């Protein structure tokens, strides 16, 4: 998402912060601490309203997470 096109749906502010989170997807993912789901977060700088969007998760990233405990 391009920050220049952002407009908060709650307060109409144009400034935002973009981040990333990972989450476990199922039983085995939780057991082995592998975050198989990846999301991009967009947070309004003024009112802190946040939306999450599903993002692509790579197998290599999942393997790295498993060995580093991230």
N, C-alpha and C. Protein backbone atom coordinates (compact mmCIF):
# COMPACT_ATOMS: atom_id res chain seq x y z
N UNK A 1 0.85 -1.18 0.00
CA UNK A 1 0.00 0.00 0.00
C UNK A 1 0.88 1.23 0.00
N UNK A 2 0.59 2.15 -0.84
CA UNK A 2 1.35 3.38 -0.94
C UNK A 2 0.88 4.36 0.12
N UNK A 3 1.80 4.87 0.94
CA UNK A 3 1.44 5.80 2.00
C UNK A 3 0.85 7.10 1.46
N UNK A 4 1.20 7.47 0.24
CA UNK A 4 0.68 8.70 -0.33
C UNK A 4 -0.82 8.62 -0.60
N UNK A 5 -1.35 7.43 -0.79
CA UNK A 5 -2.77 7.24 -1.07
C UNK A 5 -3.59 6.92 0.17
N UNK A 6 -2.97 6.90 1.34
CA UNK A 6 -3.69 6.54 2.56
C UNK A 6 -4.63 7.64 3.02
N UNK A 7 -5.83 7.23 3.42
CA UNK A 7 -6.78 8.14 4.06
C UNK A 7 -7.52 7.32 5.11
N UNK A 8 -7.39 7.67 6.38
CA UNK A 8 -8.00 6.94 7.47
C UNK A 8 -9.52 6.98 7.34
N UNK A 9 -10.18 5.82 7.43
CA UNK A 9 -11.64 5.79 7.31
C UNK A 9 -12.36 6.36 8.53
N UNK A 10 -11.64 6.54 9.65
CA UNK A 10 -12.27 7.07 10.86
C UNK A 10 -12.08 8.59 11.03
N UNK A 11 -10.84 9.07 10.80
CA UNK A 11 -10.58 10.49 11.06
C UNK A 11 -10.12 11.28 9.84
N UNK A 12 -9.97 10.62 8.69
CA UNK A 12 -9.57 11.24 7.42
C UNK A 12 -8.14 11.76 7.41
N UNK A 13 -7.32 11.32 8.37
CA UNK A 13 -5.90 11.70 8.39
C UNK A 13 -5.18 11.05 7.21
N UNK A 14 -4.13 11.68 6.72
CA UNK A 14 -3.39 11.15 5.57
C UNK A 14 -2.05 10.51 5.92
N UNK A 15 -1.67 10.49 7.20
CA UNK A 15 -0.38 9.92 7.60
C UNK A 15 -0.59 8.56 8.28
N UNK A 16 0.26 7.60 7.90
CA UNK A 16 0.12 6.26 8.48
C UNK A 16 1.48 5.62 8.68
N UNK A 17 1.47 4.53 9.44
CA UNK A 17 2.66 3.73 9.66
C UNK A 17 2.34 2.32 9.17
N UNK A 18 3.26 1.73 8.41
CA UNK A 18 3.05 0.38 7.88
C UNK A 18 3.97 -0.57 8.62
N UNK A 19 3.40 -1.69 9.08
CA UNK A 19 4.17 -2.70 9.80
C UNK A 19 3.85 -4.09 9.31
N UNK A 20 4.39 -5.08 9.99
CA UNK A 20 4.19 -6.49 9.61
C UNK A 20 4.08 -7.34 10.86
N UNK A 21 3.16 -8.29 10.85
CA UNK A 21 3.07 -9.27 11.94
C UNK A 21 2.96 -10.65 11.33
N UNK A 22 3.33 -11.65 12.11
CA UNK A 22 3.20 -13.05 11.71
C UNK A 22 2.41 -13.76 12.78
N UNK A 23 1.63 -14.76 12.36
CA UNK A 23 0.80 -15.52 13.29
C UNK A 23 0.85 -17.00 12.95
N UNK A 24 0.69 -17.83 13.97
CA UNK A 24 0.64 -19.28 13.75
C UNK A 24 -0.68 -19.62 13.08
N UNK A 25 -0.66 -20.61 12.20
CA UNK A 25 -1.86 -20.94 11.46
C UNK A 25 -2.64 -22.12 11.99
N UNK A 26 -2.00 -23.06 12.64
CA UNK A 26 -2.70 -24.25 13.08
C UNK A 26 -1.98 -24.93 14.23
N UNK A 27 -2.45 -26.12 14.56
CA UNK A 27 -1.92 -26.86 15.70
C UNK A 27 -0.42 -27.10 15.60
N UNK A 28 0.04 -27.67 14.49
CA UNK A 28 1.46 -27.99 14.33
C UNK A 28 2.31 -26.73 14.24
N UNK A 29 1.76 -25.69 13.66
CA UNK A 29 2.49 -24.42 13.60
C UNK A 29 2.73 -23.88 15.00
N UNK A 30 1.74 -24.02 15.86
CA UNK A 30 1.88 -23.55 17.24
C UNK A 30 2.88 -24.42 18.02
N UNK A 31 2.82 -25.73 17.81
CA UNK A 31 3.72 -26.65 18.51
C UNK A 31 5.18 -26.33 18.17
N UNK A 32 5.47 -26.14 16.88
CA UNK A 32 6.84 -25.90 16.44
C UNK A 32 7.20 -24.42 16.32
N UNK A 33 6.30 -23.54 16.77
CA UNK A 33 6.53 -22.10 16.76
C UNK A 33 6.89 -21.59 15.37
N UNK A 34 6.12 -22.01 14.36
CA UNK A 34 6.30 -21.54 12.99
C UNK A 34 5.13 -20.62 12.66
N UNK A 35 5.44 -19.39 12.33
CA UNK A 35 4.40 -18.42 11.99
C UNK A 35 4.12 -18.52 10.49
N UNK A 36 3.06 -19.25 10.14
CA UNK A 36 2.75 -19.51 8.74
C UNK A 36 1.91 -18.45 8.07
N UNK A 37 1.35 -17.53 8.82
CA UNK A 37 0.51 -16.48 8.25
C UNK A 37 1.20 -15.14 8.47
N UNK A 38 1.19 -14.33 7.43
CA UNK A 38 1.85 -13.03 7.48
C UNK A 38 0.83 -11.95 7.12
N UNK A 39 0.85 -10.85 7.86
CA UNK A 39 -0.09 -9.76 7.64
C UNK A 39 0.66 -8.43 7.62
N UNK A 40 0.18 -7.51 6.79
CA UNK A 40 0.68 -6.15 6.77
C UNK A 40 -0.31 -5.29 7.54
N UNK A 41 0.19 -4.48 8.47
CA UNK A 41 -0.68 -3.59 9.24
C UNK A 41 -0.51 -2.16 8.76
N UNK A 42 -1.60 -1.43 8.73
CA UNK A 42 -1.58 -0.01 8.37
C UNK A 42 -2.26 0.72 9.52
N UNK A 43 -1.50 1.59 10.21
CA UNK A 43 -2.00 2.28 11.41
C UNK A 43 -1.99 3.78 11.19
N UNK A 44 -3.12 4.40 11.43
CA UNK A 44 -3.24 5.86 11.34
C UNK A 44 -2.39 6.51 12.43
N UNK A 45 -1.60 7.51 12.05
CA UNK A 45 -0.74 8.20 13.02
C UNK A 45 -1.52 9.06 14.01
N UNK A 46 -2.72 9.44 13.64
CA UNK A 46 -3.50 10.35 14.50
C UNK A 46 -4.38 9.59 15.49
N UNK A 47 -5.26 8.71 15.01
CA UNK A 47 -6.22 8.04 15.90
C UNK A 47 -5.84 6.60 16.23
N UNK A 48 -4.78 6.08 15.60
CA UNK A 48 -4.27 4.72 15.81
C UNK A 48 -5.19 3.61 15.30
N UNK A 49 -6.16 3.95 14.46
CA UNK A 49 -7.00 2.94 13.81
C UNK A 49 -6.08 2.05 12.97
N UNK A 50 -6.25 0.73 13.07
CA UNK A 50 -5.37 -0.20 12.37
C UNK A 50 -6.18 -1.19 11.53
N UNK A 51 -5.71 -1.43 10.32
CA UNK A 51 -6.27 -2.45 9.45
C UNK A 51 -5.17 -3.46 9.12
N UNK A 52 -5.58 -4.72 8.95
CA UNK A 52 -4.63 -5.78 8.61
C UNK A 52 -4.97 -6.36 7.25
N UNK A 53 -3.94 -6.62 6.45
CA UNK A 53 -4.10 -7.19 5.12
C UNK A 53 -3.23 -8.44 5.03
N UNK A 54 -3.80 -9.51 4.47
CA UNK A 54 -3.04 -10.75 4.29
C UNK A 54 -1.91 -10.50 3.30
N UNK A 55 -0.73 -11.07 3.61
CA UNK A 55 0.45 -10.92 2.76
C UNK A 55 0.99 -12.30 2.42
N UNK A 56 1.80 -12.36 1.39
CA UNK A 56 2.43 -13.62 1.00
C UNK A 56 3.45 -14.04 2.05
N UNK A 57 3.47 -15.33 2.37
CA UNK A 57 4.43 -15.88 3.31
C UNK A 57 5.29 -16.89 2.57
N UNK A 58 6.60 -16.75 2.66
CA UNK A 58 7.49 -17.65 1.92
C UNK A 58 7.91 -18.83 2.79
N UNK A 59 8.18 -19.96 2.15
CA UNK A 59 8.66 -21.15 2.86
C UNK A 59 10.01 -20.88 3.51
N UNK A 60 10.88 -20.15 2.82
CA UNK A 60 12.19 -19.83 3.36
C UNK A 60 12.06 -18.99 4.64
N UNK A 61 11.14 -18.04 4.63
CA UNK A 61 10.89 -17.23 5.82
C UNK A 61 10.40 -18.06 6.98
N UNK A 62 9.53 -19.06 6.70
CA UNK A 62 9.04 -19.94 7.75
C UNK A 62 10.16 -20.79 8.34
N UNK A 63 11.06 -21.27 7.49
CA UNK A 63 12.20 -22.07 7.98
C UNK A 63 13.11 -21.20 8.84
N UNK A 64 13.36 -19.99 8.39
CA UNK A 64 14.19 -19.05 9.17
C UNK A 64 13.55 -18.79 10.53
N UNK A 65 12.23 -18.56 10.57
CA UNK A 65 11.51 -18.35 11.83
C UNK A 65 11.66 -19.54 12.77
N UNK A 66 11.59 -20.74 12.21
CA UNK A 66 11.68 -21.96 13.02
C UNK A 66 13.03 -22.04 13.72
N UNK A 67 14.11 -21.77 12.99
CA UNK A 67 15.45 -21.90 13.58
C UNK A 67 15.86 -20.73 14.46
N UNK A 68 15.28 -19.56 14.22
CA UNK A 68 15.65 -18.39 15.03
C UNK A 68 14.69 -18.14 16.17
N UNK A 69 13.54 -18.80 16.15
CA UNK A 69 12.55 -18.59 17.20
C UNK A 69 11.83 -17.27 17.09
N UNK A 70 11.82 -16.67 15.91
CA UNK A 70 11.16 -15.38 15.71
C UNK A 70 9.66 -15.52 15.69
